[in-house]
Amino acid sequence: MGNVIGWDMTAALALGRAMGIDGRVLAEFLPPAEAAMVSKLREQQEADRHD
C-alpha cells in the first residue's frame, strides 16, 4: 500500500482560486490543513495494520 505524503498544492491553490478564495488566505491555511490530513491518514493506516 502506498503512503500519502501531501497534496498537490498547485491544484489546491487553483481550486481555491476558482472558488473565489484569496490566494494569500490559501497560502496561509492550506499547509496546516495538509499536515493534519496526512497525520490522520497515517494514524488510520497504522490502526488498519494492527486490526
Protein backbone atom coordinates (compact mmCIF):
# COMPACT_ATOMS: atom_id res chain seq x y z
CA MET A 1 0.00 0.00 0.00
CA GLY A 2 1.26 3.48 -0.81
CA ASN A 3 1.59 6.37 1.57
CA VAL A 4 0.13 9.84 1.34
CA ILE A 5 2.89 12.42 1.54
CA GLY A 6 0.89 15.54 0.80
CA TRP A 7 -1.41 17.42 -1.51
CA ASP A 8 -0.78 18.76 -4.97
CA MET A 9 -0.55 22.38 -3.81
CA THR A 10 -0.72 23.76 -7.35
CA ALA A 11 -4.06 22.03 -7.83
CA ALA A 12 -5.29 23.01 -4.35
CA LEU A 13 -4.40 26.67 -4.94
CA ALA A 14 -6.06 26.63 -8.38
CA LEU A 15 -9.20 25.05 -6.95
CA GLY A 16 -9.36 27.61 -4.16
CA ARG A 17 -8.87 30.49 -6.57
CA ALA A 18 -11.61 29.06 -8.80
CA MET A 19 -13.85 29.11 -5.75
CA GLY A 20 -13.05 32.78 -5.21
CA ILE A 21 -10.74 32.35 -2.21
CA ASP A 22 -7.87 34.82 -1.96
CA GLY A 23 -4.51 33.19 -2.72
CA ARG A 24 -2.94 34.70 0.42
CA VAL A 25 -5.59 33.02 2.57
CA LEU A 26 -4.99 29.72 0.79
CA ALA A 27 -1.23 30.02 1.27
CA GLU A 28 -1.78 30.58 4.98
CA PHE A 29 -4.26 27.81 5.69
CA LEU A 30 -3.53 25.01 3.20
CA PRO A 31 -0.20 23.85 4.71
CA PRO A 32 -1.58 23.24 8.23
CA ALA A 33 -4.69 21.58 6.77
CA GLU A 34 -2.47 19.34 4.64
CA ALA A 35 -0.32 18.40 7.63
CA ALA A 36 -3.39 17.48 9.71
CA MET A 37 -4.81 15.38 6.86
CA VAL A 38 -1.55 13.49 6.31
CA SER A 39 -1.21 12.86 10.06
CA LYS A 40 -4.73 11.47 10.35
CA LEU A 41 -4.35 9.27 7.28
CA ARG A 42 -1.11 7.83 8.68
CA GLU A 43 -2.84 7.16 12.02
CA GLN A 44 -5.63 5.35 10.20
CA GLN A 45 -3.18 3.31 8.13
CA GLU A 46 -1.32 2.29 11.29
CA ALA A 47 -4.57 1.32 13.01
CA ASP A 48 -5.63 -0.72 9.97
CA ARG A 49 -2.31 -2.62 10.05
CA HIS A 50 -2.96 -3.67 13.64
CA ASP A 51 -6.50 -4.93 13.02
